[in-house]
Each structure stands twice: as structure tokens, then as C-alpha cells.
């Protein structure tokens, strides 16, 4: 049967400015609804509140609305995935509409541990330019069904030469309701 799940996703640690790990630089609680159309397709909207440290050492608040289409295919113990996302981000200096494409793979043969990797590309819908791309590798640990923690490393390369390359160490928690 088809179902709807509500998943708060809290990302609390991400190091974007240097390697000073003594402080949190981003807190991003996220809630999304996923409707399972088939075993291989899920769609749904979501919302993220972002509190991110700026270059002036102050937290900036942003809001993000998005809609996802997630495709997945299990090939033995490997899960392959593709996500298309359109998002509207509301910032102090204006809104931005972005189209994101994400390809990923995860090894599902070592439960409760699940290592994985993904590559994602961001395109600005206003002018059609690529904004940035990122690569993520990490591991998820299933505490119990519907409750996971994850630790990851993310490399992010923005298209704008004014923006620095980012090396992010992150941690997240996900709870299905």
C-alpha cells in the first residue's frame, strides 16, 4: 500500500570556515512528506529552516521550500538512487529558485551500518547556470526501524570564484513518524 511519512531531519554540525571544530556553524532542521507512488518512486514537499554562520560571525536565518521526486533501484545489496529537487530559498538578500540532481549509491549488506556516497549538481533556474556541485561520503547507523544517525564528509565546489571550496564534516539524525 501507499503511505505518507513525516521525517524531521536535523543537521547540526557542518564545518564550512576553516577546520575549527570547536563550534557549530549550521543548524538545519528539516521536515518533509514522502508519498510512496510505487516501490521505486517517492514524491513530496518539504521545508527547511536554516541557521547558518556568515562571514561576519553572525547567524543568518533562511527558509527553504522544496519538492522531491526520488527514484531508487535495489541491485542486490547495493541501493542506487536519483533525486530531482526544485527548491525556493528565501534569504535576506532575495529569493533563489534552484533545480538539483543527485545520484547516489549505498551498501545495504552490513546492517545496521550503511555506507554510501552521492554526487549532486545545483542549477539556478533564473539564468540556467550551474551554481555548484558537491560530493558526499558517509555512513548511516540504524538505531531501530525508522530512526537513523549519520556522519559524513562533504566536498562542495561553487561555480562562483568568489565563493570558497567547502570541506564539511556533518552529523545528522532522522526519525520517521
N, C-alpha and C. Protein backbone atom coordinates (compact mmCIF):
# COMPACT_ATOMS: atom_id res chain seq x y z
N UNK A 1 0.82 -1.20 0.00
CA UNK A 1 0.00 0.00 0.00
C UNK A 1 0.86 1.26 0.00
N UNK A 2 0.29 2.32 -0.52
CA UNK A 2 0.98 3.61 -0.50
C UNK A 2 0.87 4.21 0.89
N UNK A 3 1.85 5.02 1.28
CA UNK A 3 1.84 5.62 2.60
C UNK A 3 2.53 6.97 2.56
N UNK A 4 2.31 7.71 3.59
CA UNK A 4 2.93 9.02 3.76
C UNK A 4 3.75 8.98 5.04
N UNK A 5 4.97 9.48 4.98
CA UNK A 5 5.78 9.54 6.20
C UNK A 5 6.24 10.97 6.42
N UNK A 6 6.39 11.33 7.65
CA UNK A 6 6.88 12.65 8.06
C UNK A 6 8.26 12.43 8.66
N UNK A 7 9.28 13.11 8.10
CA UNK A 7 10.65 12.85 8.54
C UNK A 7 11.37 14.13 8.93
N UNK A 8 11.42 14.46 10.23
CA UNK A 8 12.29 15.56 10.63
C UNK A 8 13.75 15.13 10.48
N UNK A 9 14.55 15.94 9.86
CA UNK A 9 15.97 15.64 9.65
C UNK A 9 16.76 16.80 10.22
N UNK A 10 17.51 16.57 11.26
CA UNK A 10 18.26 17.63 11.92
C UNK A 10 19.74 17.49 11.59
N UNK A 11 20.29 18.48 10.90
CA UNK A 11 21.72 18.52 10.65
C UNK A 11 22.29 19.59 11.56
N UNK A 12 23.20 19.19 12.41
CA UNK A 12 23.65 20.11 13.43
C UNK A 12 25.10 20.54 13.30
N UNK A 13 25.95 19.77 12.67
CA UNK A 13 27.36 20.14 12.62
C UNK A 13 27.81 20.16 11.18
N UNK A 14 28.34 21.27 10.74
CA UNK A 14 28.91 21.36 9.40
C UNK A 14 30.00 22.39 9.43
N UNK A 15 31.20 22.01 9.10
CA UNK A 15 32.32 22.95 9.18
C UNK A 15 32.57 23.54 7.81
N UNK A 16 32.30 24.81 7.66
CA UNK A 16 32.47 25.48 6.38
C UNK A 16 33.63 26.46 6.37
N UNK A 17 34.01 26.98 7.51
CA UNK A 17 35.03 28.03 7.53
C UNK A 17 36.24 27.54 8.30
N UNK A 18 37.23 27.04 7.58
CA UNK A 18 38.42 26.51 8.23
C UNK A 18 38.11 25.18 8.89
N UNK A 19 39.02 24.72 9.75
CA UNK A 19 38.83 23.44 10.41
C UNK A 19 38.68 23.60 11.92
N UNK A 20 38.21 24.74 12.37
CA UNK A 20 37.95 24.96 13.79
C UNK A 20 36.68 24.22 14.16
N UNK A 21 36.81 23.04 14.75
CA UNK A 21 35.64 22.22 15.08
C UNK A 21 35.07 22.53 16.46
N UNK A 22 35.48 23.65 17.06
CA UNK A 22 35.04 23.99 18.40
C UNK A 22 33.64 24.61 18.42
N UNK A 23 33.05 24.88 17.24
CA UNK A 23 31.72 25.50 17.24
C UNK A 23 30.89 24.99 16.07
N UNK A 24 29.62 25.01 16.28
CA UNK A 24 28.65 24.63 15.24
C UNK A 24 28.45 25.82 14.33
N UNK A 25 28.48 25.59 13.02
CA UNK A 25 28.32 26.71 12.09
C UNK A 25 27.01 26.65 11.32
N UNK A 26 26.26 25.55 11.45
CA UNK A 26 24.97 25.47 10.76
C UNK A 26 24.04 24.52 11.51
N UNK A 27 22.80 24.95 11.69
CA UNK A 27 21.75 24.12 12.26
C UNK A 27 20.59 24.17 11.28
N UNK A 28 20.15 23.00 10.77
CA UNK A 28 19.17 22.98 9.69
C UNK A 28 18.09 21.92 9.92
N UNK A 29 17.11 22.20 10.78
CA UNK A 29 16.01 21.24 10.91
C UNK A 29 15.16 21.24 9.65
N UNK A 30 14.76 20.04 9.25
CA UNK A 30 14.02 19.85 8.01
C UNK A 30 12.87 18.87 8.23
N UNK A 31 11.75 19.15 7.62
CA UNK A 31 10.60 18.26 7.68
C UNK A 31 10.13 18.04 6.25
N UNK A 32 9.92 16.77 5.87
CA UNK A 32 9.36 16.52 4.55
C UNK A 32 8.34 15.40 4.59
N UNK A 33 7.44 15.43 3.67
CA UNK A 33 6.42 14.41 3.49
C UNK A 33 6.78 13.63 2.24
N UNK A 34 6.78 12.31 2.33
CA UNK A 34 7.09 11.47 1.18
C UNK A 34 5.91 10.53 0.93
N UNK A 35 5.40 10.59 -0.28
CA UNK A 35 4.31 9.70 -0.69
C UNK A 35 4.89 8.62 -1.59
N UNK A 36 4.71 7.36 -1.21
CA UNK A 36 5.23 6.25 -1.99
C UNK A 36 4.25 5.93 -3.12
N UNK A 37 4.60 6.32 -4.33
CA UNK A 37 3.78 6.06 -5.51
C UNK A 37 3.91 4.59 -5.90
N UNK A 38 5.15 4.09 -5.97
CA UNK A 38 5.46 2.68 -6.23
C UNK A 38 6.64 2.32 -5.33
N UNK A 39 7.12 1.08 -5.44
CA UNK A 39 8.29 0.68 -4.66
C UNK A 39 9.53 1.47 -5.05
N UNK A 40 9.56 1.99 -6.26
CA UNK A 40 10.76 2.68 -6.75
C UNK A 40 10.60 4.20 -6.89
N UNK A 41 9.42 4.75 -6.56
CA UNK A 41 9.20 6.19 -6.70
C UNK A 41 8.50 6.77 -5.48
N UNK A 42 9.11 7.83 -4.93
CA UNK A 42 8.51 8.60 -3.84
C UNK A 42 8.56 10.07 -4.22
N UNK A 43 7.48 10.79 -3.91
CA UNK A 43 7.41 12.23 -4.21
C UNK A 43 6.88 12.96 -2.98
N UNK A 44 7.21 14.26 -2.90
CA UNK A 44 6.64 15.02 -1.80
C UNK A 44 7.34 16.34 -1.55
N UNK A 45 6.65 17.19 -0.77
CA UNK A 45 7.18 18.52 -0.43
C UNK A 45 7.95 18.48 0.89
N UNK A 46 8.66 19.61 1.13
CA UNK A 46 9.38 19.72 2.39
C UNK A 46 9.70 21.16 2.72
N UNK A 47 10.18 21.35 3.96
CA UNK A 47 10.56 22.68 4.45
C UNK A 47 11.83 22.53 5.28
N UNK A 48 12.75 23.48 5.11
CA UNK A 48 13.96 23.53 5.93
C UNK A 48 14.14 24.93 6.49
N UNK A 49 14.41 25.00 7.79
CA UNK A 49 14.82 26.24 8.45
C UNK A 49 16.34 26.19 8.57
N UNK A 50 17.02 27.20 8.06
CA UNK A 50 18.48 27.23 8.11
C UNK A 50 18.94 28.35 9.03
N UNK A 51 19.83 28.00 9.94
CA UNK A 51 20.54 28.99 10.77
C UNK A 51 22.00 28.73 10.49
N UNK A 52 22.62 29.65 9.72
CA UNK A 52 23.97 29.43 9.26
C UNK A 52 24.86 30.61 9.60
N UNK A 53 26.06 30.30 10.06
CA UNK A 53 27.03 31.32 10.42
C UNK A 53 27.55 32.00 9.15
N UNK A 54 27.55 33.32 9.14
CA UNK A 54 28.03 34.08 7.99
C UNK A 54 29.50 34.45 8.18
N UNK A 55 30.08 35.08 7.16
CA UNK A 55 31.46 35.54 7.25
C UNK A 55 31.66 36.60 8.31
N UNK A 56 30.56 37.28 8.72
CA UNK A 56 30.64 38.30 9.77
C UNK A 56 30.46 37.68 11.16
N UNK A 57 30.51 36.35 11.24
CA UNK A 57 30.41 35.63 12.51
C UNK A 57 29.06 35.82 13.20
N UNK A 58 28.00 35.97 12.41
CA UNK A 58 26.64 36.06 12.95
C UNK A 58 25.77 35.04 12.22
N UNK A 59 24.74 34.55 12.92
CA UNK A 59 23.84 33.58 12.30
C UNK A 59 22.81 34.29 11.43
N UNK A 60 22.61 33.76 10.23
CA UNK A 60 21.60 34.26 9.30
C UNK A 60 20.50 33.20 9.19
N UNK A 61 19.25 33.65 9.15
CA UNK A 61 18.12 32.74 9.03
C UNK A 61 17.64 32.71 7.59
N UNK A 62 17.42 31.50 7.07
CA UNK A 62 16.87 31.31 5.72
C UNK A 62 15.77 30.27 5.81
N UNK A 63 14.86 30.33 4.85
CA UNK A 63 13.78 29.36 4.76
C UNK A 63 13.83 28.72 3.38
N UNK A 64 13.56 27.43 3.32
CA UNK A 64 13.60 26.73 2.04
C UNK A 64 12.37 25.83 1.91
N UNK A 65 11.66 26.01 0.81
CA UNK A 65 10.57 25.11 0.43
C UNK A 65 11.06 24.28 -0.74
N UNK A 66 10.71 22.99 -0.77
CA UNK A 66 11.18 22.15 -1.87
C UNK A 66 10.17 21.05 -2.19
N UNK A 67 10.35 20.48 -3.39
CA UNK A 67 9.56 19.32 -3.82
C UNK A 67 10.52 18.32 -4.42
N UNK A 68 10.43 17.06 -3.98
CA UNK A 68 11.34 15.99 -4.42
C UNK A 68 10.62 14.92 -5.22
N UNK A 69 11.34 14.34 -6.15
CA UNK A 69 10.97 13.07 -6.79
C UNK A 69 12.17 12.16 -6.61
N UNK A 70 11.99 11.06 -5.88
CA UNK A 70 13.07 10.12 -5.58
C UNK A 70 12.83 8.80 -6.29
N UNK A 71 13.82 8.38 -7.07
CA UNK A 71 13.79 7.07 -7.73
C UNK A 71 14.84 6.20 -7.06
N UNK A 72 14.54 4.91 -6.90
CA UNK A 72 15.55 4.02 -6.34
C UNK A 72 15.43 2.64 -6.97
N UNK A 73 16.57 1.95 -6.97
CA UNK A 73 16.63 0.60 -7.52
C UNK A 73 17.59 -0.21 -6.67
N UNK A 74 17.14 -1.37 -6.20
CA UNK A 74 18.00 -2.25 -5.43
C UNK A 74 18.61 -3.28 -6.37
N UNK A 75 19.95 -3.34 -6.38
CA UNK A 75 20.70 -4.30 -7.18
C UNK A 75 21.49 -5.16 -6.20
N UNK A 76 20.86 -6.19 -5.70
CA UNK A 76 21.48 -6.99 -4.67
C UNK A 76 21.56 -6.19 -3.38
N UNK A 77 22.76 -6.07 -2.84
CA UNK A 77 22.94 -5.32 -1.59
C UNK A 77 23.24 -3.84 -1.83
N UNK A 78 23.25 -3.42 -3.07
CA UNK A 78 23.51 -2.02 -3.40
C UNK A 78 22.19 -1.34 -3.74
N UNK A 79 21.94 -0.18 -3.14
CA UNK A 79 20.78 0.63 -3.48
C UNK A 79 21.26 1.84 -4.28
N UNK A 80 20.74 1.97 -5.50
CA UNK A 80 21.05 3.11 -6.36
C UNK A 80 19.90 4.10 -6.26
N UNK A 81 20.21 5.38 -6.25
CA UNK A 81 19.15 6.37 -6.12
C UNK A 81 19.39 7.60 -6.97
N UNK A 82 18.30 8.22 -7.36
CA UNK A 82 18.33 9.51 -8.06
C UNK A 82 17.26 10.39 -7.43
N UNK A 83 17.63 11.64 -7.16
CA UNK A 83 16.66 12.60 -6.63
C UNK A 83 16.68 13.85 -7.48
N UNK A 84 15.50 14.27 -7.92
CA UNK A 84 15.33 15.58 -8.56
C UNK A 84 14.61 16.45 -7.55
N UNK A 85 15.14 17.67 -7.34
CA UNK A 85 14.53 18.58 -6.37
C UNK A 85 14.45 19.97 -6.97
N UNK A 86 13.28 20.59 -6.82
CA UNK A 86 13.15 22.01 -7.12
C UNK A 86 12.93 22.69 -5.78
N UNK A 87 13.68 23.78 -5.54
CA UNK A 87 13.58 24.45 -4.24
C UNK A 87 13.55 25.96 -4.41
N UNK A 88 12.84 26.58 -3.50
CA UNK A 88 12.80 28.04 -3.42
C UNK A 88 13.42 28.40 -2.07
N UNK A 89 14.50 29.19 -2.11
CA UNK A 89 15.16 29.59 -0.88
C UNK A 89 14.90 31.06 -0.65
N UNK A 90 14.43 31.38 0.55
CA UNK A 90 14.12 32.76 0.93
C UNK A 90 15.26 33.25 1.82
N UNK A 91 16.01 34.27 1.32
CA UNK A 91 17.18 34.81 2.00
C UNK A 91 16.98 36.29 2.24
N UNK A 92 17.84 36.84 3.08
CA UNK A 92 17.79 38.28 3.36
C UNK A 92 18.02 39.11 2.11
N UNK A 93 18.86 38.63 1.21
CA UNK A 93 19.19 39.39 0.01
C UNK A 93 18.40 38.93 -1.23
N UNK A 94 17.27 38.28 -1.04
CA UNK A 94 16.43 37.87 -2.17
C UNK A 94 16.21 36.37 -2.23
N UNK A 95 15.26 35.98 -3.07
CA UNK A 95 14.93 34.57 -3.23
C UNK A 95 15.76 33.95 -4.33
N UNK A 96 15.86 32.63 -4.29
CA UNK A 96 16.60 31.90 -5.30
C UNK A 96 15.88 30.58 -5.57
N UNK A 97 15.62 30.27 -6.85
CA UNK A 97 15.00 29.01 -7.25
C UNK A 97 16.07 28.12 -7.87
N UNK A 98 16.21 26.94 -7.32
CA UNK A 98 17.29 26.02 -7.71
C UNK A 98 16.70 24.67 -8.12
N UNK A 99 17.29 24.06 -9.15
CA UNK A 99 16.99 22.69 -9.57
C UNK A 99 18.21 21.85 -9.20
N UNK A 100 17.98 20.76 -8.46
CA UNK A 100 19.08 19.91 -8.01
C UNK A 100 18.90 18.49 -8.53
N UNK A 101 20.01 17.90 -8.98
CA UNK A 101 20.05 16.50 -9.41
C UNK A 101 21.07 15.77 -8.56
N UNK A 102 20.64 14.66 -7.96
CA UNK A 102 21.52 13.91 -7.07
C UNK A 102 21.51 12.43 -7.44
N UNK A 103 22.71 11.86 -7.62
CA UNK A 103 22.89 10.43 -7.85
C UNK A 103 23.62 9.86 -6.65
N UNK A 104 23.16 8.70 -6.18
CA UNK A 104 23.80 8.11 -5.01
C UNK A 104 23.76 6.60 -5.03
N UNK A 105 24.60 6.01 -4.19
CA UNK A 105 24.63 4.56 -4.01
C UNK A 105 24.93 4.28 -2.54
N UNK A 106 24.33 3.23 -2.02
CA UNK A 106 24.55 2.82 -0.63
C UNK A 106 24.69 1.30 -0.57
N UNK A 107 25.57 0.83 0.29
CA UNK A 107 25.77 -0.60 0.52
C UNK A 107 24.87 -1.02 1.67
N UNK A 108 23.94 -1.94 1.40
CA UNK A 108 22.94 -2.33 2.40
C UNK A 108 23.23 -3.69 3.00
N UNK A 109 24.45 -4.22 2.80
CA UNK A 109 24.76 -5.57 3.25
C UNK A 109 25.35 -5.67 4.62
N UNK A 110 25.50 -4.57 5.33
CA UNK A 110 26.16 -4.63 6.64
C UNK A 110 25.30 -3.96 7.71
N UNK A 111 24.01 -4.22 7.73
CA UNK A 111 23.11 -3.62 8.72
C UNK A 111 23.62 -3.88 10.12
N UNK A 112 23.52 -2.97 11.03
CA UNK A 112 22.81 -1.70 10.98
C UNK A 112 23.60 -0.56 10.34
N UNK A 113 24.83 -0.83 9.87
CA UNK A 113 25.65 0.18 9.22
C UNK A 113 25.33 0.23 7.74
N UNK A 114 25.30 1.45 7.15
CA UNK A 114 25.02 1.58 5.73
C UNK A 114 25.90 2.69 5.13
N UNK A 115 27.08 2.33 4.59
CA UNK A 115 27.92 3.34 3.96
C UNK A 115 27.36 3.74 2.61
N UNK A 116 27.63 4.99 2.21
CA UNK A 116 27.11 5.45 0.92
C UNK A 116 27.87 6.65 0.40
N UNK A 117 27.58 7.00 -0.84
CA UNK A 117 28.20 8.16 -1.49
C UNK A 117 27.21 8.75 -2.48
N UNK A 118 27.36 10.06 -2.74
CA UNK A 118 26.49 10.71 -3.72
C UNK A 118 27.21 11.89 -4.36
N UNK A 119 26.70 12.29 -5.52
CA UNK A 119 27.15 13.48 -6.23
C UNK A 119 25.91 14.27 -6.57
N UNK A 120 25.97 15.60 -6.38
CA UNK A 120 24.80 16.46 -6.62
C UNK A 120 25.23 17.72 -7.35
N UNK A 121 24.37 18.15 -8.30
CA UNK A 121 24.62 19.36 -9.09
C UNK A 121 23.45 20.32 -8.87
N UNK A 122 23.76 21.61 -8.71
CA UNK A 122 22.77 22.66 -8.45
C UNK A 122 22.73 23.61 -9.64
N UNK A 123 21.52 23.86 -10.17
CA UNK A 123 21.34 24.81 -11.28
C UNK A 123 20.37 25.91 -10.86
N UNK A 124 20.72 27.16 -11.14
CA UNK A 124 19.85 28.30 -10.88
C UNK A 124 18.82 28.38 -12.00
N UNK A 125 17.54 28.31 -11.67
CA UNK A 125 16.50 28.33 -12.70
C UNK A 125 16.29 29.72 -13.30
N UNK A 126 16.75 30.77 -12.61
CA UNK A 126 16.58 32.12 -13.14
C UNK A 126 17.43 32.35 -14.38
N UNK A 127 18.66 31.85 -14.37
CA UNK A 127 19.54 32.08 -15.52
C UNK A 127 20.09 30.79 -16.13
N UNK A 128 19.75 29.63 -15.57
CA UNK A 128 20.17 28.35 -16.13
C UNK A 128 21.60 27.96 -15.84
N UNK A 129 22.31 28.73 -15.02
CA UNK A 129 23.71 28.42 -14.74
C UNK A 129 23.85 27.38 -13.64
N UNK A 130 24.96 26.65 -13.70
CA UNK A 130 25.28 25.72 -12.62
C UNK A 130 25.84 26.54 -11.46
N UNK A 131 25.24 26.40 -10.29
CA UNK A 131 25.67 27.16 -9.11
C UNK A 131 26.83 26.47 -8.38
N UNK A 132 26.73 25.13 -8.25
CA UNK A 132 27.77 24.39 -7.55
C UNK A 132 27.53 22.90 -7.74
N UNK A 133 28.52 22.11 -7.33
CA UNK A 133 28.35 20.67 -7.26
C UNK A 133 28.97 20.21 -5.94
N UNK A 134 28.51 19.05 -5.48
CA UNK A 134 29.04 18.52 -4.23
C UNK A 134 29.14 17.00 -4.30
N UNK A 135 30.08 16.50 -3.51
CA UNK A 135 30.25 15.06 -3.35
C UNK A 135 30.18 14.75 -1.86
N UNK A 136 29.46 13.71 -1.51
CA UNK A 136 29.29 13.34 -0.11
C UNK A 136 29.60 11.86 0.06
N UNK A 137 30.37 11.54 1.10
CA UNK A 137 30.55 10.15 1.51
C UNK A 137 30.25 10.09 3.00
N UNK A 138 29.62 9.00 3.41
CA UNK A 138 29.28 8.91 4.83
C UNK A 138 28.78 7.54 5.20
N UNK A 139 28.36 7.44 6.43
CA UNK A 139 27.81 6.19 6.93
C UNK A 139 26.61 6.49 7.81
N UNK A 140 25.58 5.68 7.64
CA UNK A 140 24.35 5.77 8.43
C UNK A 140 24.31 4.58 9.37
N UNK A 141 23.82 4.81 10.58
CA UNK A 141 23.65 3.74 11.55
C UNK A 141 22.18 3.70 11.95
N UNK A 142 21.56 2.54 11.77
CA UNK A 142 20.14 2.38 12.11
C UNK A 142 20.03 2.01 13.59
N UNK A 143 19.50 2.97 14.37
CA UNK A 143 19.30 2.73 15.80
C UNK A 143 18.18 1.72 16.01
N UNK A 144 17.10 1.93 15.27
CA UNK A 144 15.99 0.98 15.17
C UNK A 144 15.19 1.38 13.95
N UNK A 145 14.22 0.61 13.57
CA UNK A 145 13.48 0.89 12.33
C UNK A 145 12.90 2.30 12.37
N UNK A 146 13.26 3.10 11.35
CA UNK A 146 12.73 4.46 11.26
C UNK A 146 13.53 5.51 12.02
N UNK A 147 14.65 5.12 12.61
CA UNK A 147 15.48 6.07 13.36
C UNK A 147 16.95 5.82 13.03
N UNK A 148 17.59 6.83 12.40
CA UNK A 148 18.97 6.69 11.95
C UNK A 148 19.80 7.89 12.39
N UNK A 149 21.10 7.66 12.57
CA UNK A 149 22.06 8.74 12.71
C UNK A 149 23.06 8.59 11.58
N UNK A 150 23.65 9.71 11.17
CA UNK A 150 24.63 9.65 10.09
C UNK A 150 25.79 10.59 10.38
N UNK A 151 26.94 10.23 9.84
CA UNK A 151 28.13 11.06 9.88
C UNK A 151 28.65 11.11 8.45
N UNK A 152 29.08 12.30 8.00
CA UNK A 152 29.51 12.39 6.60
C UNK A 152 30.58 13.46 6.41
N UNK A 153 31.28 13.32 5.29
CA UNK A 153 32.20 14.34 4.80
C UNK A 153 31.62 14.81 3.46
N UNK A 154 31.63 16.12 3.25
CA UNK A 154 31.09 16.69 2.01
C UNK A 154 32.08 17.69 1.44
N UNK A 155 32.38 17.53 0.17
CA UNK A 155 33.19 18.50 -0.56
C UNK A 155 32.25 19.25 -1.48
N UNK A 156 32.30 20.58 -1.42
CA UNK A 156 31.40 21.41 -2.22
C UNK A 156 32.23 22.41 -3.02
N UNK A 157 31.99 22.47 -4.33
CA UNK A 157 32.74 23.35 -5.22
C UNK A 157 31.75 24.30 -5.90
N UNK A 158 31.68 25.56 -5.45
CA UNK A 158 30.78 26.52 -6.08
C UNK A 158 31.33 26.99 -7.42
N UNK A 159 30.42 27.38 -8.32
CA UNK A 159 30.81 27.88 -9.63
C UNK A 159 31.37 29.29 -9.54
N UNK A 160 30.96 30.05 -8.54
CA UNK A 160 31.39 31.44 -8.37
C UNK A 160 32.80 31.47 -7.78
N UNK A 161 33.79 32.06 -8.47
CA UNK A 161 35.15 32.10 -7.94
C UNK A 161 35.27 32.90 -6.64
N UNK A 162 34.27 33.73 -6.33
CA UNK A 162 34.28 34.49 -5.07
C UNK A 162 33.99 33.59 -3.86
N UNK A 163 33.26 32.49 -4.09
CA UNK A 163 32.93 31.56 -3.00
C UNK A 163 34.04 30.52 -2.86
N UNK A 164 34.41 30.19 -1.63
CA UNK A 164 35.48 29.21 -1.43
C UNK A 164 34.97 27.78 -1.62
N UNK A 165 35.91 26.87 -1.92
CA UNK A 165 35.58 25.46 -1.86
C UNK A 165 35.27 25.14 -0.41
N UNK A 166 34.36 24.21 -0.19
CA UNK A 166 33.95 23.90 1.18
C UNK A 166 34.28 22.45 1.50
N UNK A 167 34.80 22.23 2.68
CA UNK A 167 35.02 20.90 3.23
C UNK A 167 34.16 20.84 4.48
N UNK A 168 33.15 19.99 4.47
CA UNK A 168 32.16 19.97 5.54
C UNK A 168 32.17 18.63 6.24
N UNK A 169 32.28 18.63 7.54
CA UNK A 169 32.07 17.44 8.35
C UNK A 169 30.70 17.60 8.98
N UNK A 170 29.85 16.62 8.80
CA UNK A 170 28.48 16.77 9.27
C UNK A 170 27.97 15.56 10.02
N UNK A 171 26.89 15.80 10.75
CA UNK A 171 26.24 14.75 11.50
C UNK A 171 24.75 15.02 11.43
N UNK A 172 23.95 13.99 11.31
CA UNK A 172 22.51 14.17 11.23
C UNK A 172 21.76 13.09 11.97
N UNK A 173 20.50 13.35 12.21
CA UNK A 173 19.59 12.42 12.87
C UNK A 173 18.29 12.43 12.08
N UNK A 174 17.73 11.27 11.81
CA UNK A 174 16.49 11.17 11.05
C UNK A 174 15.51 10.28 11.80
N UNK A 175 14.29 10.76 11.91
CA UNK A 175 13.22 10.00 12.58
C UNK A 175 12.01 9.94 11.66
N UNK A 176 11.59 8.74 11.29
CA UNK A 176 10.35 8.58 10.52
C UNK A 176 9.20 8.51 11.51
N UNK A 177 8.13 9.22 11.20
CA UNK A 177 6.94 9.18 12.06
C UNK A 177 5.81 8.47 11.35
